Amino acid sequence: MVCLTAFLLPFAWLIEFAQQFSLFVFELLQATGGILNVKWVHNGIVTTGHYCTAQGLVAQIGELGVSLIILVCSPLLMCLRLGLADIRLISFSPSTHS
């Protein structure tokens, strides 16, 4: 059985770096959305407006990004788990062999 992500294995190091960096950025956005709750705690009330909309947008983009990154990582991890991909081909540096 051929793994669907097998054609991506020569570029796995680049894909892995992009996933890790993207996951970090989206986690930062998600955390920023949570940190913005300080205003609501200080005021003691949640009101609608531009601040509320911006906070919701930042938090939702972060949550969506994290979930999409996990969705993208899952097929490769499943291929590794089932033995359909070789772990030696996945590294953070370009492969020197063809």
C-alpha atoms as a PDB file:
ATOM      1  CA  MET A   1       0.000   0.000   0.000  1.00  0.00           C
ATOM      2  CA  VAL A   2       1.398   3.367  -1.004  1.00  0.00           C
ATOM      3  CA  CYS A   3       1.124   6.220   1.462  1.00  0.00           C
ATOM      4  CA  LEU A   4      -0.593   9.328   0.148  1.00  0.00           C
ATOM      5  CA  THR A   5       2.154  11.562   1.495  1.00  0.00           C
ATOM      6  CA  ALA A   6       5.027   9.464   0.125  1.00  0.00           C
ATOM      7  CA  PHE A   7       5.637  11.919  -2.712  1.00  0.00           C
ATOM      8  CA  LEU A   8       6.299  14.643  -0.106  1.00  0.00           C
ATOM      9  CA  LEU A   9       9.054  12.749   1.716  1.00  0.00           C
ATOM     10  CA  PRO A  10      11.977  14.336  -0.200  1.00  0.00           C
ATOM     11  CA  PHE A  11      10.713  17.703   1.049  1.00  0.00           C
ATOM     12  CA  ALA A  12       9.771  16.492   4.526  1.00  0.00           C
ATOM     13  CA  TRP A  13      12.420  18.589   6.287  1.00  0.00           C
ATOM     14  CA  LEU A  14      10.998  21.772   4.749  1.00  0.00           C
ATOM     15  CA  ILE A  15       7.434  20.740   5.464  1.00  0.00           C
ATOM     16  CA  GLU A  16       8.306  19.898   9.068  1.00  0.00           C
ATOM     17  CA  PHE A  17      10.007  23.266   9.600  1.00  0.00           C
ATOM     18  CA  ALA A  18       7.029  25.128   8.092  1.00  0.00           C
ATOM     19  CA  GLN A  19       4.597  23.180  10.252  1.00  0.00           C
ATOM     20  CA  GLN A  20       6.554  23.845  13.431  1.00  0.00           C
ATOM     21  CA  PHE A  21       6.922  27.553  12.670  1.00  0.00           C
ATOM     22  CA  SER A  22       3.275  27.911  11.658  1.00  0.00           C
ATOM     23  CA  LEU A  23       2.122  26.049  14.745  1.00  0.00           C
ATOM     24  CA  PHE A  24       4.189  28.410  16.908  1.00  0.00           C
ATOM     25  CA  VAL A  25       2.702  31.503  15.204  1.00  0.00           C
ATOM     26  CA  PHE A  26      -0.878  30.241  15.506  1.00  0.00           C
ATOM     27  CA  GLU A  27      -0.340  29.284  19.151  1.00  0.00           C
ATOM     28  CA  LEU A  28       0.952  32.823  19.740  1.00  0.00           C
ATOM     29  CA  LEU A  29      -2.190  34.272  18.146  1.00  0.00           C
ATOM     30  CA  GLN A  30      -4.369  32.024  20.256  1.00  0.00           C
ATOM     31  CA  ALA A  31      -2.520  33.061  23.422  1.00  0.00           C
ATOM     32  CA  THR A  32      -2.792  36.745  22.469  1.00  0.00           C
ATOM     33  CA  GLY A  33      -6.550  36.352  22.175  1.00  0.00           C
ATOM     34  CA  GLY A  34      -6.598  34.900  25.664  1.00  0.00           C
ATOM     35  CA  ILE A  35      -4.350  37.599  27.113  1.00  0.00           C
ATOM     36  CA  LEU A  36      -6.715  40.258  25.818  1.00  0.00           C
ATOM     37  CA  ASN A  37      -9.240  39.008  28.397  1.00  0.00           C
ATOM     38  CA  VAL A  38      -7.418  41.204  30.910  1.00  0.00           C
ATOM     39  CA  LYS A  39      -9.476  44.210  29.757  1.00  0.00           C
ATOM     40  CA  TRP A  40     -12.734  42.402  30.484  1.00  0.00           C
ATOM     41  CA  VAL A  41     -11.507  41.340  33.918  1.00  0.00           C
ATOM     42  CA  HIS A  42     -10.406  44.904  34.684  1.00  0.00           C
ATOM     43  CA  ASN A  43     -13.729  46.409  33.566  1.00  0.00           C
ATOM     44  CA  GLY A  44     -15.805  43.677  35.184  1.00  0.00           C
ATOM     45  CA  ILE A  45     -18.090  43.479  32.150  1.00  0.00           C
ATOM     46  CA  VAL A  46     -17.897  42.270  28.571  1.00  0.00           C
ATOM     47  CA  THR A  47     -19.221  44.697  25.970  1.00  0.00           C
ATOM     48  CA  THR A  48     -19.502  44.544  22.210  1.00  0.00           C
ATOM     49  CA  GLY A  49     -17.370  46.754  20.014  1.00  0.00           C
ATOM     50  CA  HIS A  50     -14.155  46.888  18.062  1.00  0.00           C
ATOM     51  CA  TYR A  51     -12.041  45.459  20.888  1.00  0.00           C
ATOM     52  CA  CYS A  52     -14.357  42.469  21.278  1.00  0.00           C
ATOM     53  CA  THR A  53     -14.382  41.859  17.521  1.00  0.00           C
ATOM     54  CA  ALA A  54     -10.586  42.092  17.277  1.00  0.00           C
ATOM     55  CA  GLN A  55     -10.104  39.750  20.219  1.00  0.00           C
ATOM     56  CA  GLY A  56     -12.500  37.212  18.753  1.00  0.00           C
ATOM     57  CA  LEU A  57     -10.853  37.429  15.341  1.00  0.00           C
ATOM     58  CA  VAL A  58      -7.357  36.899  16.744  1.00  0.00           C
ATOM     59  CA  ALA A  59      -8.464  33.986  18.922  1.00  0.00           C
ATOM     60  CA  GLN A  60     -10.441  32.312  16.119  1.00  0.00           C
ATOM     61  CA  ILE A  61      -7.601  32.629  13.602  1.00  0.00           C
ATOM     62  CA  GLY A  62      -5.238  31.082  16.154  1.00  0.00           C
ATOM     63  CA  GLU A  63      -7.593  28.196  16.946  1.00  0.00           C
ATOM     64  CA  LEU A  64      -8.328  27.502  13.276  1.00  0.00           C
ATOM     65  CA  GLY A  65      -4.627  27.596  12.405  1.00  0.00           C
ATOM     66  CA  VAL A  66      -3.688  25.164  15.166  1.00  0.00           C
ATOM     67  CA  SER A  67      -6.411  22.734  14.127  1.00  0.00           C
ATOM     68  CA  LEU A  68      -5.402  22.900  10.443  1.00  0.00           C
ATOM     69  CA  ILE A  69      -1.739  22.283  11.270  1.00  0.00           C
ATOM     70  CA  ILE A  70      -2.745  19.213  13.280  1.00  0.00           C
ATOM     71  CA  LEU A  71      -4.881  18.057  10.369  1.00  0.00           C
ATOM     72  CA  VAL A  72      -1.915  18.428   8.001  1.00  0.00           C
ATOM     73  CA  CYS A  73       0.515  16.641  10.339  1.00  0.00           C
ATOM     74  CA  SER A  74      -1.751  13.664  10.969  1.00  0.00           C
ATOM     75  CA  PRO A  75      -1.347  11.811   7.614  1.00  0.00           C
ATOM     76  CA  LEU A  76       2.455  11.941   7.792  1.00  0.00           C
ATOM     77  CA  LEU A  77       2.471  10.782  11.389  1.00  0.00           C
ATOM     78  CA  MET A  78       0.052   7.971  10.530  1.00  0.00           C
ATOM     79  CA  CYS A  79       2.314   6.870   7.667  1.00  0.00           C
ATOM     80  CA  LEU A  80       5.269   6.816  10.051  1.00  0.00           C
ATOM     81  CA  ARG A  81       3.288   4.864  12.635  1.00  0.00           C
ATOM     82  CA  LEU A  82       2.124   2.265  10.120  1.00  0.00           C
ATOM     83  CA  GLY A  83       5.604   1.890   8.677  1.00  0.00           C
ATOM     84  CA  LEU A  84       4.655   3.301   5.277  1.00  0.00           C
ATOM     85  CA  ALA A  85       7.285   6.034   5.524  1.00  0.00           C
ATOM     86  CA  ASP A  86      10.923   5.874   6.576  1.00  0.00           C
ATOM     87  CA  ILE A  87      11.776   8.026   9.598  1.00  0.00           C
ATOM     88  CA  ARG A  88      15.359   8.438   8.332  1.00  0.00           C
ATOM     89  CA  LEU A  89      14.053  10.489   5.406  1.00  0.00           C
ATOM     90  CA  ILE A  90      12.522  13.062   7.724  1.00  0.00           C
ATOM     91  CA  SER A  91      15.015  15.472   9.229  1.00  0.00           C
ATOM     92  CA  PHE A  92      15.585  19.185   9.590  1.00  0.00           C
ATOM     93  CA  SER A  93      18.343  19.289   6.989  1.00  0.00           C
ATOM     94  CA  PRO A  94      18.211  18.575   3.259  1.00  0.00           C
ATOM     95  CA  SER A  95      19.075  15.037   2.305  1.00  0.00           C
ATOM     96  CA  THR A  96      22.496  14.538   0.717  1.00  0.00           C
ATOM     97  CA  HIS A  97      21.555  11.263  -0.932  1.00  0.00           C
ATOM     98  CA  SER A  98      19.089  10.774  -3.751  1.00  0.00           C
END
